[in-house]
Amino acid sequence: MRQYFVKEKLQCGSIVTLSEEIAHHLKNVLRKKSGEVIRLVDCQGSAFLARLIVDEEVQAQAYEQLASRRQRGRITCCPCLIKRDKWEMLIQKAAELGADRIVPVISSRTIIHIDEKEMDRKLARWNKIALEACQQSNRTDICVVERPVYLVNIAAYRSDNNLLAYENEANVQLLDLCDNRDITIVTGPEGGFSSQEAEFLNSLGFRSCSLGERILRAETALLYALAVIDAGRNVL
């Protein structure tokens, strides 16, 4: 069932006029008709079933509120920037896997050049990818992609539980460090972090952990980490 986010606060009986973009998708792409059912998530993260009213405008009337899901700590992901196609796939899949915030990181081995003149456009695209992934996966909250930061400024994004996926850590597994607190997970670029960068992150309270015996691609490492965090929380 298709899900969309709306800016209004909903209750059963509420009728909301959908945005031009959503209306076009429903009316002209999916060929939806009046009476068909979609999911709506309002500005407070409450999910509803709603029936479409398709005319010149497309509206939807909420008729049933859905049960809220179990609340867990937020996940802030701090992956180093990688090439465009892989980066956009990373955003999409991270949003599907439960990331609440994605903070692109620039480290000493990051090979991507940041053009500040293009950054607003890139951010809009990245956040659109995240929004669509949240809608597709029936999330009731939106994953936000923030402006890139240099590694030296990463302290501002620490949470209750701060983790560093590091290939030179063999004794501590990520699964052993998972809990229901807010988590920040940092993953490296192609080539990984230097030993100095790892030491710097450790000094800020990021605990090094292993993602297993294999060396993973940069985009795979974050997605693997998110899956492990989700699995770890499910058994708590």
C-alpha atoms as a PDB file:
ATOM      1  CA  MET A   1       0.000   0.000   0.000  1.00  0.00           C
ATOM      2  CA  ARG A   2       1.349   3.424  -0.952  1.00  0.00           C
ATOM      3  CA  GLN A   3       2.292   5.790   1.861  1.00  0.00           C
ATOM      4  CA  TYR A   4       2.782   9.547   1.802  1.00  0.00           C
ATOM      5  CA  PHE A   5       3.791  12.185   4.341  1.00  0.00           C
ATOM      6  CA  VAL A   6       1.613  15.268   4.830  1.00  0.00           C
ATOM      7  CA  LYS A   7       2.312  18.472   6.760  1.00  0.00           C
ATOM      8  CA  GLU A   8      -1.064  18.610   8.508  1.00  0.00           C
ATOM      9  CA  LYS A   9      -2.088  17.011  11.809  1.00  0.00           C
ATOM     10  CA  LEU A  10      -4.686  14.342  11.066  1.00  0.00           C
ATOM     11  CA  GLN A  11      -7.525  12.669  12.915  1.00  0.00           C
ATOM     12  CA  CYS A  12     -10.208  10.279  11.729  1.00  0.00           C
ATOM     13  CA  GLY A  13     -12.460  12.197   9.359  1.00  0.00           C
ATOM     14  CA  SER A  14      -9.811  14.736   8.338  1.00  0.00           C
ATOM     15  CA  ILE A  15      -9.718  15.609   4.638  1.00  0.00           C
ATOM     16  CA  VAL A  16      -6.377  16.776   3.289  1.00  0.00           C
ATOM     17  CA  THR A  17      -5.511  18.145  -0.143  1.00  0.00           C
ATOM     18  CA  LEU A  18      -2.411  16.357  -1.389  1.00  0.00           C
ATOM     19  CA  SER A  19       0.543  18.207  -2.910  1.00  0.00           C
ATOM     20  CA  GLU A  20       0.837  18.551  -6.677  1.00  0.00           C
ATOM     21  CA  GLU A  21       3.693  16.042  -6.746  1.00  0.00           C
ATOM     22  CA  ILE A  22       1.782  13.406  -4.767  1.00  0.00           C
ATOM     23  CA  ALA A  23      -1.416  14.108  -6.701  1.00  0.00           C
ATOM     24  CA  HIS A  24       0.382  13.667 -10.036  1.00  0.00           C
ATOM     25  CA  HIS A  25       1.911  10.385  -8.890  1.00  0.00           C
ATOM     26  CA  LEU A  26      -1.410   8.996  -7.696  1.00  0.00           C
ATOM     27  CA  LYS A  27      -3.587  10.273 -10.526  1.00  0.00           C
ATOM     28  CA  ASN A  28      -1.363  10.095 -13.579  1.00  0.00           C
ATOM     29  CA  VAL A  29       1.289   7.486 -12.750  1.00  0.00           C
ATOM     30  CA  LEU A  30      -0.569   4.973 -10.585  1.00  0.00           C
ATOM     31  CA  ARG A  31      -3.998   5.751 -12.089  1.00  0.00           C
ATOM     32  CA  LYS A  32      -5.640   5.693  -8.673  1.00  0.00           C
ATOM     33  CA  LYS A  33      -9.399   6.276  -8.442  1.00  0.00           C
ATOM     34  CA  SER A  34     -11.714   7.713  -5.800  1.00  0.00           C
ATOM     35  CA  GLY A  35     -12.324   5.283  -2.961  1.00  0.00           C
ATOM     36  CA  GLU A  36      -8.948   3.552  -3.189  1.00  0.00           C
ATOM     37  CA  VAL A  37      -6.960   3.389   0.036  1.00  0.00           C
ATOM     38  CA  ILE A  38      -3.519   4.822   0.830  1.00  0.00           C
ATOM     39  CA  ARG A  39      -1.540   5.418   4.025  1.00  0.00           C
ATOM     40  CA  LEU A  40      -0.900   8.940   5.274  1.00  0.00           C
ATOM     41  CA  VAL A  41       1.583   9.986   7.959  1.00  0.00           C
ATOM     42  CA  ASP A  42       0.944  13.375   9.542  1.00  0.00           C
ATOM     43  CA  CYS A  43       3.283  15.995  10.988  1.00  0.00           C
ATOM     44  CA  GLN A  44       3.363  14.185  14.341  1.00  0.00           C
ATOM     45  CA  GLY A  45       4.298  10.811  12.877  1.00  0.00           C
ATOM     46  CA  SER A  46       0.820   9.289  13.264  1.00  0.00           C
ATOM     47  CA  ALA A  47      -0.212   6.908  10.483  1.00  0.00           C
ATOM     48  CA  PHE A  48      -3.724   6.651   9.049  1.00  0.00           C
ATOM     49  CA  LEU A  49      -5.571   4.753   6.378  1.00  0.00           C
ATOM     50  CA  ALA A  50      -7.244   7.206   4.019  1.00  0.00           C
ATOM     51  CA  ARG A  51      -9.615   6.998   1.055  1.00  0.00           C
ATOM     52  CA  LEU A  52      -8.822   8.981  -2.052  1.00  0.00           C
ATOM     53  CA  ILE A  53     -11.083  11.643  -3.529  1.00  0.00           C
ATOM     54  CA  VAL A  54      -9.839  12.110  -7.097  1.00  0.00           C
ATOM     55  CA  ASP A  55     -11.059  15.176  -8.977  1.00  0.00           C
ATOM     56  CA  GLU A  56      -9.229  18.179 -10.404  1.00  0.00           C
ATOM     57  CA  GLU A  57      -7.467  18.168  -7.045  1.00  0.00           C
ATOM     58  CA  VAL A  58      -6.588  14.957  -5.261  1.00  0.00           C
ATOM     59  CA  GLN A  59      -7.698  14.718  -1.645  1.00  0.00           C
ATOM     60  CA  ALA A  60      -7.730  11.945   0.926  1.00  0.00           C
ATOM     61  CA  GLN A  61      -9.945  11.380   3.940  1.00  0.00           C
ATOM     62  CA  ALA A  62      -8.425   9.654   6.956  1.00  0.00           C
ATOM     63  CA  TYR A  63     -10.699   6.996   8.423  1.00  0.00           C
ATOM     64  CA  GLU A  64      -8.557   4.739  10.630  1.00  0.00           C
ATOM     65  CA  GLN A  65      -5.515   5.475  12.783  1.00  0.00           C
ATOM     66  CA  LEU A  66      -2.893   2.749  12.752  1.00  0.00           C
ATOM     67  CA  ALA A  67      -1.099   1.509  15.851  1.00  0.00           C
ATOM     68  CA  SER A  68       2.215   3.237  16.492  1.00  0.00           C
ATOM     69  CA  ARG A  69       5.369   1.168  16.380  1.00  0.00           C
ATOM     70  CA  ARG A  70       7.652   0.537  19.340  1.00  0.00           C
ATOM     71  CA  GLN A  71       9.900   3.530  19.935  1.00  0.00           C
ATOM     72  CA  ARG A  72      13.647   3.032  19.955  1.00  0.00           C
ATOM     73  CA  GLY A  73      16.621   5.332  20.105  1.00  0.00           C
ATOM     74  CA  ARG A  74      17.458   7.403  17.062  1.00  0.00           C
ATOM     75  CA  ILE A  75      20.251   6.337  14.708  1.00  0.00           C
ATOM     76  CA  THR A  76      22.640   8.950  13.350  1.00  0.00           C
ATOM     77  CA  CYS A  77      24.784   7.635  10.501  1.00  0.00           C
ATOM     78  CA  CYS A  78      28.073   9.353   9.699  1.00  0.00           C
ATOM     79  CA  PRO A  79      29.400   7.701   6.527  1.00  0.00           C
ATOM     80  CA  CYS A  80      32.261   9.229   4.588  1.00  0.00           C
ATOM     81  CA  LEU A  81      31.257  10.570   1.182  1.00  0.00           C
ATOM     82  CA  ILE A  82      31.680   8.223  -1.756  1.00  0.00           C
ATOM     83  CA  LYS A  83      30.982   8.372  -5.491  1.00  0.00           C
ATOM     84  CA  ARG A  84      27.576   9.674  -6.531  1.00  0.00           C
ATOM     85  CA  ASP A  85      25.820   6.498  -7.673  1.00  0.00           C
ATOM     86  CA  LYS A  86      26.943   4.533  -4.626  1.00  0.00           C
ATOM     87  CA  TRP A  87      26.222   7.463  -2.317  1.00  0.00           C
ATOM     88  CA  GLU A  88      22.642   7.853  -3.507  1.00  0.00           C
ATOM     89  CA  MET A  89      22.083   4.109  -3.164  1.00  0.00           C
ATOM     90  CA  LEU A  90      23.511   4.328   0.369  1.00  0.00           C
ATOM     91  CA  ILE A  91      21.023   7.081   1.277  1.00  0.00           C
ATOM     92  CA  GLN A  92      18.088   5.111  -0.085  1.00  0.00           C
ATOM     93  CA  LYS A  93      18.969   1.866   1.662  1.00  0.00           C
ATOM     94  CA  ALA A  94      19.997   3.528   4.931  1.00  0.00           C
ATOM     95  CA  ALA A  95      16.604   5.241   5.093  1.00  0.00           C
ATOM     96  CA  GLU A  96      14.898   1.893   4.481  1.00  0.00           C
ATOM     97  CA  LEU A  97      16.977   0.283   7.236  1.00  0.00           C
ATOM     98  CA  GLY A  98      16.050   2.823   9.907  1.00  0.00           C
ATOM     99  CA  ALA A  99      18.601   5.655   9.797  1.00  0.00           C
ATOM    100  CA  ASP A 100      17.103   8.816  11.296  1.00  0.00           C
ATOM    101  CA  ARG A 101      19.871  11.166  10.223  1.00  0.00           C
ATOM    102  CA  ILE A 102      22.672  10.881   7.675  1.00  0.00           C
ATOM    103  CA  VAL A 103      25.665  13.185   8.111  1.00  0.00           C
ATOM    104  CA  PRO A 104      28.129  12.994   5.190  1.00  0.00           C
ATOM    105  CA  VAL A 105      31.716  13.071   6.468  1.00  0.00           C
ATOM    106  CA  ILE A 106      34.871  14.301   4.761  1.00  0.00           C
ATOM    107  CA  SER A 107      38.014  12.494   5.966  1.00  0.00           C
ATOM    108  CA  SER A 108      41.619  12.506   4.782  1.00  0.00           C
ATOM    109  CA  ARG A 109      40.917   9.708   2.288  1.00  0.00           C
ATOM    110  CA  THR A 110      37.634  11.064   0.941  1.00  0.00           C
ATOM    111  CA  ILE A 111      38.034  11.410  -2.818  1.00  0.00           C
ATOM    112  CA  ILE A 112      34.843  13.379  -3.504  1.00  0.00           C
ATOM    113  CA  HIS A 113      35.204  17.101  -4.185  1.00  0.00           C
ATOM    114  CA  ILE A 114      32.550  19.283  -2.554  1.00  0.00           C
ATOM    115  CA  ASP A 115      31.326  22.244  -4.599  1.00  0.00           C
ATOM    116  CA  GLU A 116      29.536  24.592  -2.225  1.00  0.00           C
ATOM    117  CA  LYS A 117      27.725  26.223  -5.156  1.00  0.00           C
ATOM    118  CA  GLU A 118      26.056  22.886  -5.875  1.00  0.00           C
ATOM    119  CA  MET A 119      25.428  21.868  -2.273  1.00  0.00           C
ATOM    120  CA  ASP A 120      21.864  23.169  -1.884  1.00  0.00           C
ATOM    121  CA  ARG A 121      20.816  21.314  -5.032  1.00  0.00           C
ATOM    122  CA  LYS A 122      22.567  18.144  -3.909  1.00  0.00           C
ATOM    123  CA  LEU A 123      20.992  18.328  -0.446  1.00  0.00           C
ATOM    124  CA  ALA A 124      17.529  18.702  -1.950  1.00  0.00           C
ATOM    125  CA  ARG A 125      18.127  15.637  -4.140  1.00  0.00           C
ATOM    126  CA  TRP A 126      19.551  13.583  -1.271  1.00  0.00           C
ATOM    127  CA  ASN A 127      16.621  14.421   0.993  1.00  0.00           C
ATOM    128  CA  LYS A 128      14.134  13.596  -1.748  1.00  0.00           C
ATOM    129  CA  ILE A 129      15.759  10.170  -2.116  1.00  0.00           C
ATOM    130  CA  ALA A 130      15.523   9.648   1.653  1.00  0.00           C
ATOM    131  CA  LEU A 131      11.892  10.801   1.774  1.00  0.00           C
ATOM    132  CA  GLU A 132      10.840   8.460  -1.019  1.00  0.00           C
ATOM    133  CA  ALA A 133      12.627   5.555   0.686  1.00  0.00           C
ATOM    134  CA  CYS A 134      10.821   6.288   3.954  1.00  0.00           C
ATOM    135  CA  GLN A 135       7.481   6.364   2.140  1.00  0.00           C
ATOM    136  CA  GLN A 136       8.221   3.135   0.273  1.00  0.00           C
ATOM    137  CA  SER A 137       9.197   1.303   3.456  1.00  0.00           C
ATOM    138  CA  ASN A 138       6.170   2.552   5.442  1.00  0.00           C
ATOM    139  CA  ARG A 139       8.214   4.471   7.989  1.00  0.00           C
ATOM    140  CA  THR A 140       6.315   6.957  10.103  1.00  0.00           C
ATOM    141  CA  ASP A 141       9.298   9.301  10.438  1.00  0.00           C
ATOM    142  CA  ILE A 142      11.579  10.923   7.902  1.00  0.00           C
ATOM    143  CA  CYS A 143      15.305  10.341   7.520  1.00  0.00           C
ATOM    144  CA  VAL A 144      17.121  13.670   7.119  1.00  0.00           C
ATOM    145  CA  VAL A 145      20.369  14.146   5.202  1.00  0.00           C
ATOM    146  CA  GLU A 146      22.487  17.011   6.525  1.00  0.00           C
ATOM    147  CA  ARG A 147      25.272  19.096   5.022  1.00  0.00           C
ATOM    148  CA  PRO A 148      28.698  17.414   4.825  1.00  0.00           C
ATOM    149  CA  VAL A 149      31.068  17.980   7.743  1.00  0.00           C
ATOM    150  CA  TYR A 150      34.788  17.488   8.168  1.00  0.00           C
ATOM    151  CA  LEU A 151      35.795  14.670  10.482  1.00  0.00           C
ATOM    152  CA  VAL A 152      37.323  17.130  12.948  1.00  0.00           C
ATOM    153  CA  ASN A 153      33.825  18.527  13.593  1.00  0.00           C
ATOM    154  CA  ILE A 154      32.081  15.212  14.187  1.00  0.00           C
ATOM    155  CA  ALA A 155      31.776  15.682  17.952  1.00  0.00           C
ATOM    156  CA  ALA A 156      28.598  17.708  17.359  1.00  0.00           C
ATOM    157  CA  TYR A 157      26.845  14.548  16.148  1.00  0.00           C
ATOM    158  CA  ARG A 158      27.576  12.271  19.099  1.00  0.00           C
ATOM    159  CA  SER A 159      24.744  10.364  20.762  1.00  0.00           C
ATOM    160  CA  ASP A 160      24.412   8.284  23.948  1.00  0.00           C
ATOM    161  CA  ASN A 161      26.150   5.364  22.240  1.00  0.00           C
ATOM    162  CA  ASN A 162      28.943   6.260  19.794  1.00  0.00           C
ATOM    163  CA  LEU A 163      30.474   3.618  17.547  1.00  0.00           C
ATOM    164  CA  LEU A 164      33.240   3.454  14.943  1.00  0.00           C
ATOM    165  CA  ALA A 165      33.283   0.655  12.395  1.00  0.00           C
ATOM    166  CA  TYR A 166      37.021  -0.010  12.088  1.00  0.00           C
ATOM    167  CA  GLU A 167      38.693  -2.775  10.108  1.00  0.00           C
ATOM    168  CA  ASN A 168      41.620  -3.048  12.521  1.00  0.00           C
ATOM    169  CA  GLU A 169      39.367  -3.902  15.471  1.00  0.00           C
ATOM    170  CA  ALA A 170      39.173  -7.675  15.864  1.00  0.00           C
ATOM    171  CA  ASN A 171      38.009  -8.245  19.432  1.00  0.00           C
ATOM    172  CA  VAL A 172      34.835  -6.154  19.774  1.00  0.00           C
ATOM    173  CA  GLN A 173      31.855  -6.953  17.565  1.00  0.00           C
ATOM    174  CA  LEU A 174      29.212  -4.368  16.662  1.00  0.00           C
ATOM    175  CA  LEU A 175      26.410  -6.658  17.826  1.00  0.00           C
ATOM    176  CA  ASP A 176      27.830  -6.644  21.359  1.00  0.00           C
ATOM    177  CA  LEU A 177      27.553  -2.856  21.559  1.00  0.00           C
ATOM    178  CA  CYS A 178      23.979  -2.453  20.294  1.00  0.00           C
ATOM    179  CA  ASP A 179      21.292  -1.153  22.629  1.00  0.00           C
ATOM    180  CA  ASN A 180      18.105   0.915  22.542  1.00  0.00           C
ATOM    181  CA  ARG A 181      19.797   4.227  23.282  1.00  0.00           C
ATOM    182  CA  ASP A 182      20.423   6.865  20.618  1.00  0.00           C
ATOM    183  CA  ILE A 183      23.313   5.622  18.479  1.00  0.00           C
ATOM    184  CA  THR A 184      25.834   7.346  16.224  1.00  0.00           C
ATOM    185  CA  ILE A 185      27.715   5.034  13.861  1.00  0.00           C
ATOM    186  CA  VAL A 186      30.721   6.226  11.828  1.00  0.00           C
ATOM    187  CA  THR A 187      31.917   4.382   8.725  1.00  0.00           C
ATOM    188  CA  GLY A 188      34.913   5.166   6.532  1.00  0.00           C
ATOM    189  CA  PRO A 189      35.602   5.961   2.868  1.00  0.00           C
ATOM    190  CA  GLU A 190      37.260   3.786   0.262  1.00  0.00           C
ATOM    191  CA  GLY A 191      40.580   2.971   1.899  1.00  0.00           C
ATOM    192  CA  GLY A 192      39.203   3.282   5.422  1.00  0.00           C
ATOM    193  CA  PHE A 193      40.301   5.599   8.205  1.00  0.00           C
ATOM    194  CA  SER A 194      43.926   6.274   9.010  1.00  0.00           C
ATOM    195  CA  SER A 195      45.187   5.132  12.405  1.00  0.00           C
ATOM    196  CA  GLN A 196      45.383   8.785  13.478  1.00  0.00           C
ATOM    197  CA  GLU A 197      41.737   9.334  12.562  1.00  0.00           C
ATOM    198  CA  ALA A 198      40.699   6.216  14.457  1.00  0.00           C
ATOM    199  CA  GLU A 199      42.606   7.423  17.508  1.00  0.00           C
ATOM    200  CA  PHE A 200      40.953  10.842  17.196  1.00  0.00           C
ATOM    201  CA  LEU A 201      37.484   9.273  17.086  1.00  0.00           C
ATOM    202  CA  ASN A 202      38.326   7.046  20.060  1.00  0.00           C
ATOM    203  CA  SER A 203      39.388  10.147  22.000  1.00  0.00           C
ATOM    204  CA  LEU A 204      35.907  11.586  21.390  1.00  0.00           C
ATOM    205  CA  GLY A 205      34.282   8.496  22.872  1.00  0.00           C
ATOM    206  CA  PHE A 206      33.592   6.512  19.703  1.00  0.00           C
ATOM    207  CA  ARG A 207      34.170   2.843  20.507  1.00  0.00           C
ATOM    208  CA  SER A 208      35.849   0.839  17.746  1.00  0.00           C
ATOM    209  CA  CYS A 209      34.019  -2.303  16.631  1.00  0.00           C
ATOM    210  CA  SER A 210      34.345  -4.946  13.951  1.00  0.00           C
ATOM    211  CA  LEU A 211      31.898  -5.652  11.133  1.00  0.00           C
ATOM    212  CA  GLY A 212      33.195  -9.193  10.761  1.00  0.00           C
ATOM    213  CA  GLU A 213      36.105 -10.907   9.057  1.00  0.00           C
ATOM    214  CA  ARG A 214      35.554  -9.543   5.548  1.00  0.00           C
ATOM    215  CA  ILE A 215      36.608  -6.137   4.237  1.00  0.00           C
ATOM    216  CA  LEU A 216      33.412  -4.444   3.071  1.00  0.00           C
ATOM    217  CA  ARG A 217      32.952  -1.712   0.502  1.00  0.00           C
ATOM    218  CA  ALA A 218      32.234   1.692   2.003  1.00  0.00           C
ATOM    219  CA  GLU A 219      28.553   1.621   1.032  1.00  0.00           C
ATOM    220  CA  THR A 220      28.133  -1.969   2.213  1.00  0.00           C
ATOM    221  CA  ALA A 221      29.686  -1.256   5.613  1.00  0.00           C
ATOM    222  CA  LEU A 222      27.015   1.233   6.683  1.00  0.00           C
ATOM    223  CA  LEU A 223      24.136  -0.925   5.479  1.00  0.00           C
ATOM    224  CA  TYR A 224      25.588  -3.970   7.219  1.00  0.00           C
ATOM    225  CA  ALA A 225      25.957  -1.923  10.408  1.00  0.00           C
ATOM    226  CA  LEU A 226      22.345  -0.752  10.274  1.00  0.00           C
ATOM    227  CA  ALA A 227      21.112  -4.323   9.793  1.00  0.00           C
ATOM    228  CA  VAL A 228      23.180  -5.498  12.774  1.00  0.00           C
ATOM    229  CA  ILE A 229      21.894  -2.646  14.954  1.00  0.00           C
ATOM    230  CA  ASP A 230      18.313  -3.521  14.045  1.00  0.00           C
ATOM    231  CA  ALA A 231      18.918  -7.210  14.734  1.00  0.00           C
ATOM    232  CA  GLY A 232      20.597  -6.420  18.042  1.00  0.00           C
ATOM    233  CA  ARG A 233      17.690  -4.258  19.170  1.00  0.00           C
ATOM    234  CA  ASN A 234      15.180  -6.952  18.244  1.00  0.00           C
ATOM    235  CA  VAL A 235      16.713  -9.396  20.718  1.00  0.00           C
ATOM    236  CA  LEU A 236      16.995  -6.953  23.621  1.00  0.00           C
END
